[in-house]
Amino acid sequence: MPDNNLIEQDRRRIKCRVSSMLGFKAKATAKIILSGIEMIHMMQTAGEVCLQS
């Protein structure tokens, strides 16, 4: 899968979460929330990989 598709998939997930929160007010808040979203996504992906093995 090309890298661009992976980036678009992540962007779609983040865009959905952020739009429900009406955007970010400060860069510090954005950094914390986006890192949390990414961590949860990585944990879900790791679980799927373990189940497929």
N, C-alpha and C. Protein backbone atom coordinates (compact mmCIF):
# COMPACT_ATOMS: atom_id res chain seq x y z
N MET A 1 0.85 -1.18 0.00
CA MET A 1 0.00 0.00 0.00
C MET A 1 0.90 1.24 0.00
N PRO A 2 0.66 2.14 -0.90
CA PRO A 2 1.49 3.36 -0.94
C PRO A 2 1.36 4.18 0.34
N ASP A 3 2.43 4.89 0.67
CA ASP A 3 2.44 5.70 1.89
C ASP A 3 1.34 6.74 1.90
N ASN A 4 1.01 7.29 0.74
CA ASN A 4 -0.02 8.32 0.67
C ASN A 4 -1.37 7.80 1.17
N ASN A 5 -1.69 6.55 0.84
CA ASN A 5 -2.96 5.97 1.30
C ASN A 5 -2.98 5.83 2.81
N LEU A 6 -1.86 5.44 3.41
CA LEU A 6 -1.79 5.33 4.87
C LEU A 6 -1.98 6.68 5.53
N ILE A 7 -1.38 7.70 4.96
CA ILE A 7 -1.51 9.05 5.51
C ILE A 7 -2.96 9.51 5.43
N GLU A 8 -3.61 9.26 4.31
CA GLU A 8 -5.01 9.67 4.15
C GLU A 8 -5.92 8.91 5.11
N GLN A 9 -5.63 7.65 5.37
CA GLN A 9 -6.43 6.88 6.32
C GLN A 9 -6.32 7.47 7.71
N ASP A 10 -5.11 7.81 8.14
CA ASP A 10 -4.92 8.43 9.46
C ASP A 10 -5.59 9.79 9.52
N ARG A 11 -5.47 10.56 8.46
CA ARG A 11 -6.06 11.90 8.43
C ARG A 11 -7.58 11.82 8.57
N ARG A 12 -8.17 10.85 7.92
CA ARG A 12 -9.62 10.68 7.97
C ARG A 12 -10.08 10.41 9.40
N ARG A 13 -9.37 9.54 10.10
CA ARG A 13 -9.72 9.19 11.48
C ARG A 13 -9.58 10.41 12.40
N ILE A 14 -8.49 11.14 12.25
CA ILE A 14 -8.25 12.31 13.09
C ILE A 14 -9.25 13.41 12.78
N LYS A 15 -9.54 13.61 11.50
CA LYS A 15 -10.49 14.65 11.10
C LYS A 15 -11.86 14.40 11.72
N CYS A 16 -12.28 13.16 11.76
CA CYS A 16 -13.57 12.81 12.35
C CYS A 16 -13.59 13.14 13.84
N ARG A 17 -12.54 12.82 14.56
CA ARG A 17 -12.49 13.10 16.00
C ARG A 17 -12.41 14.58 16.28
N VAL A 18 -11.60 15.30 15.52
CA VAL A 18 -11.40 16.73 15.77
C VAL A 18 -12.66 17.52 15.44
N SER A 19 -13.37 17.15 14.38
CA SER A 19 -14.56 17.91 14.01
C SER A 19 -15.64 17.80 15.09
N SER A 20 -15.69 16.67 15.79
CA SER A 20 -16.67 16.53 16.86
C SER A 20 -16.31 17.39 18.07
N MET A 21 -15.03 17.79 18.17
CA MET A 21 -14.59 18.64 19.28
C MET A 21 -14.54 20.11 18.88
N LEU A 22 -14.96 20.45 17.68
CA LEU A 22 -14.96 21.82 17.16
C LEU A 22 -13.56 22.41 17.04
N GLY A 23 -12.59 21.57 16.73
CA GLY A 23 -11.24 22.05 16.47
C GLY A 23 -10.41 22.22 17.73
N PHE A 24 -9.20 22.71 17.54
CA PHE A 24 -8.27 22.92 18.65
C PHE A 24 -8.12 24.41 18.92
N LYS A 25 -7.97 24.76 20.18
CA LYS A 25 -7.79 26.16 20.56
C LYS A 25 -6.31 26.52 20.74
N ALA A 26 -5.51 25.55 21.18
CA ALA A 26 -4.10 25.82 21.45
C ALA A 26 -3.23 24.70 20.89
N LYS A 27 -2.00 25.03 20.53
CA LYS A 27 -1.09 24.02 19.97
C LYS A 27 -0.76 22.94 20.99
N ALA A 28 -0.61 23.33 22.24
CA ALA A 28 -0.27 22.34 23.28
C ALA A 28 -1.39 21.30 23.42
N THR A 29 -2.62 21.77 23.41
CA THR A 29 -3.76 20.86 23.50
C THR A 29 -3.81 19.94 22.28
N ALA A 30 -3.59 20.50 21.11
CA ALA A 30 -3.60 19.71 19.88
C ALA A 30 -2.55 18.61 19.93
N LYS A 31 -1.37 18.95 20.40
CA LYS A 31 -0.28 17.98 20.47
C LYS A 31 -0.64 16.82 21.40
N ILE A 32 -1.21 17.12 22.54
CA ILE A 32 -1.57 16.09 23.51
C ILE A 32 -2.67 15.19 22.96
N ILE A 33 -3.70 15.79 22.41
CA ILE A 33 -4.83 15.01 21.91
C ILE A 33 -4.44 14.17 20.71
N LEU A 34 -3.68 14.74 19.78
CA LEU A 34 -3.27 13.97 18.59
C LEU A 34 -2.35 12.82 18.96
N SER A 35 -1.47 13.02 19.93
CA SER A 35 -0.60 11.93 20.35
C SER A 35 -1.41 10.82 21.00
N GLY A 36 -2.45 11.18 21.75
CA GLY A 36 -3.33 10.18 22.34
C GLY A 36 -4.09 9.39 21.29
N ILE A 37 -4.62 10.09 20.29
CA ILE A 37 -5.34 9.42 19.20
C ILE A 37 -4.41 8.47 18.47
N GLU A 38 -3.19 8.91 18.22
CA GLU A 38 -2.23 8.05 17.52
C GLU A 38 -1.87 6.83 18.36
N MET A 39 -1.71 7.00 19.67
CA MET A 39 -1.37 5.88 20.54
C MET A 39 -2.49 4.84 20.54
N ILE A 40 -3.73 5.29 20.63
CA ILE A 40 -4.87 4.37 20.61
C ILE A 40 -4.92 3.62 19.28
N HIS A 41 -4.69 4.34 18.19
CA HIS A 41 -4.69 3.71 16.86
C HIS A 41 -3.59 2.65 16.76
N MET A 42 -2.41 2.96 17.29
CA MET A 42 -1.30 2.00 17.25
C MET A 42 -1.62 0.76 18.09
N MET A 43 -2.27 0.97 19.24
CA MET A 43 -2.64 -0.17 20.09
C MET A 43 -3.66 -1.05 19.39
N GLN A 44 -4.63 -0.45 18.71
CA GLN A 44 -5.63 -1.23 17.99
C GLN A 44 -4.98 -2.00 16.84
N THR A 45 -4.07 -1.37 16.14
CA THR A 45 -3.38 -2.02 15.02
C THR A 45 -2.53 -3.17 15.52
N ALA A 46 -1.85 -2.98 16.64
CA ALA A 46 -1.02 -4.05 17.21
C ALA A 46 -1.88 -5.23 17.62
N GLY A 47 -3.05 -4.97 18.16
CA GLY A 47 -3.97 -6.05 18.53
C GLY A 47 -4.44 -6.83 17.33
N GLU A 48 -4.71 -6.14 16.24
CA GLU A 48 -5.15 -6.82 15.02
C GLU A 48 -4.03 -7.69 14.46
N VAL A 49 -2.80 -7.21 14.55
CA VAL A 49 -1.66 -7.98 14.05
C VAL A 49 -1.48 -9.24 14.89
N CYS A 50 -1.62 -9.13 16.22
CA CYS A 50 -1.48 -10.29 17.09
C CYS A 50 -2.57 -11.33 16.81
N LEU A 51 -3.78 -10.87 16.55
CA LEU A 51 -4.88 -11.79 16.28
C LEU A 51 -4.71 -12.50 14.95
N GLN A 52 -4.08 -11.85 13.98
CA GLN A 52 -3.89 -12.45 12.67
C GLN A 52 -2.78 -13.48 12.67
N SER A 53 -1.84 -13.38 13.59
CA SER A 53 -0.69 -14.30 13.63
C SER A 53 -1.07 -15.70 14.07
